[in-house]
Amino acid sequence: RRLGKLTIKYNRKDLQRWLDLEEWINTQLQELYQCRAAAPEPQIDLEDLLEVPNEEQKLKLQEILHECSSPTEDFITELLSRLKGLRRVTNPQK
């Protein structure tokens, strides 16, 4: 038997949206946590956020950012709006 060749295609537009969103998150987190040099910035896993229902995403973000002394509501609202329509990158098209 011959093994078949499998080609995996990634949608470049989706990958670019994903990378742009990660860069935006990093920039926003740096701004939110700039006054707290000793405390590490929290890690936001986009895959985890996409796995939970939309109603729970805001709660999950509030839980992640609970130690932030800066107001986080605007960041959370903007992030949730940017998450809409974002597809997981780990499930490529075959």
C-alpha atoms as a PDB file:
ATOM      1  CA  ARG A   1       0.000   0.000   0.000  1.00  0.00           C
ATOM      2  CA  ARG A   2       1.127   3.485  -0.785  1.00  0.00           C
ATOM      3  CA  LEU A   3       0.691   6.213   1.742  1.00  0.00           C
ATOM      4  CA  GLY A   4      -1.291   9.152   0.498  1.00  0.00           C
ATOM      5  CA  LYS A   5       0.121  12.614   0.605  1.00  0.00           C
ATOM      6  CA  LEU A   6      -1.728  15.054   2.850  1.00  0.00           C
ATOM      7  CA  THR A   7      -1.568  18.757   2.171  1.00  0.00           C
ATOM      8  CA  ILE A   8      -2.712  21.190   4.811  1.00  0.00           C
ATOM      9  CA  LYS A   9      -3.803  24.633   3.740  1.00  0.00           C
ATOM     10  CA  TYR A  10      -3.998  27.605   6.013  1.00  0.00           C
ATOM     11  CA  ASN A  11      -6.033  30.603   5.089  1.00  0.00           C
ATOM     12  CA  ARG A  12      -3.504  33.447   5.099  1.00  0.00           C
ATOM     13  CA  LYS A  13      -6.168  36.032   5.794  1.00  0.00           C
ATOM     14  CA  ASP A  14      -7.262  34.150   8.946  1.00  0.00           C
ATOM     15  CA  LEU A  15      -3.651  33.735  10.046  1.00  0.00           C
ATOM     16  CA  GLN A  16      -3.009  37.453   9.581  1.00  0.00           C
ATOM     17  CA  ARG A  17      -6.145  38.370  11.576  1.00  0.00           C
ATOM     18  CA  TRP A  18      -4.972  36.016  14.330  1.00  0.00           C
ATOM     19  CA  LEU A  19      -1.483  37.556  14.426  1.00  0.00           C
ATOM     20  CA  ASP A  20      -2.854  41.100  14.342  1.00  0.00           C
ATOM     21  CA  LEU A  21      -5.151  40.317  17.253  1.00  0.00           C
ATOM     22  CA  GLU A  22      -2.306  38.795  19.290  1.00  0.00           C
ATOM     23  CA  GLU A  23      -0.159  41.882  18.676  1.00  0.00           C
ATOM     24  CA  TRP A  24      -3.036  44.161  19.668  1.00  0.00           C
ATOM     25  CA  ILE A  25      -3.605  42.150  22.876  1.00  0.00           C
ATOM     26  CA  ASN A  26       0.075  42.349  23.800  1.00  0.00           C
ATOM     27  CA  THR A  27       0.126  46.114  23.254  1.00  0.00           C
ATOM     28  CA  GLN A  28      -3.038  46.638  25.292  1.00  0.00           C
ATOM     29  CA  LEU A  29      -1.785  44.452  28.151  1.00  0.00           C
ATOM     30  CA  GLN A  30       1.472  46.400  28.266  1.00  0.00           C
ATOM     31  CA  GLU A  31      -0.517  49.620  28.573  1.00  0.00           C
ATOM     32  CA  LEU A  32      -2.806  48.196  31.263  1.00  0.00           C
ATOM     33  CA  TYR A  33       0.080  46.836  33.328  1.00  0.00           C
ATOM     34  CA  GLN A  34       2.696  49.537  32.695  1.00  0.00           C
ATOM     35  CA  CYS A  35       2.588  50.829  36.264  1.00  0.00           C
ATOM     36  CA  ARG A  36       3.140  47.350  37.744  1.00  0.00           C
ATOM     37  CA  ALA A  37       6.683  46.484  36.744  1.00  0.00           C
ATOM     38  CA  ALA A  38       7.039  43.652  39.263  1.00  0.00           C
ATOM     39  CA  ALA A  39       3.833  41.819  38.358  1.00  0.00           C
ATOM     40  CA  PRO A  40       3.843  39.710  35.196  1.00  0.00           C
ATOM     41  CA  GLU A  41       1.235  40.425  32.555  1.00  0.00           C
ATOM     42  CA  PRO A  42      -1.486  37.786  32.316  1.00  0.00           C
ATOM     43  CA  GLN A  43      -1.558  35.372  29.408  1.00  0.00           C
ATOM     44  CA  ILE A  44      -4.718  35.377  27.299  1.00  0.00           C
ATOM     45  CA  ASP A  45      -5.153  32.182  25.311  1.00  0.00           C
ATOM     46  CA  LEU A  46      -7.318  32.900  22.284  1.00  0.00           C
ATOM     47  CA  GLU A  47      -7.949  29.185  21.701  1.00  0.00           C
ATOM     48  CA  ASP A  48      -9.401  28.873  25.213  1.00  0.00           C
ATOM     49  CA  LEU A  49     -11.586  31.928  24.699  1.00  0.00           C
ATOM     50  CA  LEU A  50     -12.949  30.573  21.437  1.00  0.00           C
ATOM     51  CA  GLU A  51     -13.853  27.267  23.106  1.00  0.00           C
ATOM     52  CA  VAL A  52     -16.223  28.814  25.652  1.00  0.00           C
ATOM     53  CA  PRO A  53     -19.645  30.211  24.744  1.00  0.00           C
ATOM     54  CA  ASN A  54     -19.844  33.946  24.022  1.00  0.00           C
ATOM     55  CA  GLU A  55     -21.600  34.639  27.327  1.00  0.00           C
ATOM     56  CA  GLU A  56     -18.711  33.144  29.299  1.00  0.00           C
ATOM     57  CA  GLN A  57     -15.912  34.899  27.401  1.00  0.00           C
ATOM     58  CA  LYS A  58     -16.368  38.177  29.295  1.00  0.00           C
ATOM     59  CA  LEU A  59     -16.365  36.371  32.660  1.00  0.00           C
ATOM     60  CA  LYS A  60     -13.222  34.472  31.709  1.00  0.00           C
ATOM     61  CA  LEU A  61     -11.457  37.708  30.725  1.00  0.00           C
ATOM     62  CA  GLN A  62     -12.545  39.431  33.929  1.00  0.00           C
ATOM     63  CA  GLU A  63     -11.136  36.489  35.885  1.00  0.00           C
ATOM     64  CA  ILE A  64      -7.807  36.690  34.018  1.00  0.00           C
ATOM     65  CA  LEU A  65      -7.532  40.466  34.535  1.00  0.00           C
ATOM     66  CA  HIS A  66      -8.815  40.609  38.127  1.00  0.00           C
ATOM     67  CA  GLU A  67      -5.471  41.853  39.518  1.00  0.00           C
ATOM     68  CA  CYS A  68      -5.187  44.748  37.087  1.00  0.00           C
ATOM     69  CA  SER A  69      -5.499  48.115  38.824  1.00  0.00           C
ATOM     70  CA  SER A  70      -6.336  49.923  35.566  1.00  0.00           C
ATOM     71  CA  PRO A  71      -9.886  49.863  34.162  1.00  0.00           C
ATOM     72  CA  THR A  72     -10.247  46.824  31.907  1.00  0.00           C
ATOM     73  CA  GLU A  73     -13.839  47.164  30.667  1.00  0.00           C
ATOM     74  CA  ASP A  74     -12.901  48.947  27.414  1.00  0.00           C
ATOM     75  CA  PHE A  75     -10.191  46.369  26.667  1.00  0.00           C
ATOM     76  CA  ILE A  76     -12.581  43.466  27.297  1.00  0.00           C
ATOM     77  CA  THR A  77     -15.326  44.997  25.147  1.00  0.00           C
ATOM     78  CA  GLU A  78     -12.937  45.658  22.262  1.00  0.00           C
ATOM     79  CA  LEU A  79     -11.387  42.187  22.489  1.00  0.00           C
ATOM     80  CA  LEU A  80     -14.792  40.501  22.437  1.00  0.00           C
ATOM     81  CA  SER A  81     -15.782  42.475  19.350  1.00  0.00           C
ATOM     82  CA  ARG A  82     -12.518  41.497  17.624  1.00  0.00           C
ATOM     83  CA  LEU A  83     -13.057  37.826  18.506  1.00  0.00           C
ATOM     84  CA  LYS A  84     -16.277  37.693  16.502  1.00  0.00           C
ATOM     85  CA  GLY A  85     -15.652  35.875  13.250  1.00  0.00           C
ATOM     86  CA  LEU A  86     -12.183  34.713  14.280  1.00  0.00           C
ATOM     87  CA  ARG A  87     -11.539  31.096  13.351  1.00  0.00           C
ATOM     88  CA  ARG A  88      -9.280  28.666  15.149  1.00  0.00           C
ATOM     89  CA  VAL A  89      -5.913  28.275  13.498  1.00  0.00           C
ATOM     90  CA  THR A  90      -5.286  24.794  14.903  1.00  0.00           C
ATOM     91  CA  ASN A  91      -7.948  23.245  12.651  1.00  0.00           C
ATOM     92  CA  PRO A  92      -6.547  23.833   9.176  1.00  0.00           C
ATOM     93  CA  GLN A  93      -8.500  23.188   6.000  1.00  0.00           C
ATOM     94  CA  LYS A  94      -7.625  19.898   4.317  1.00  0.00           C
END
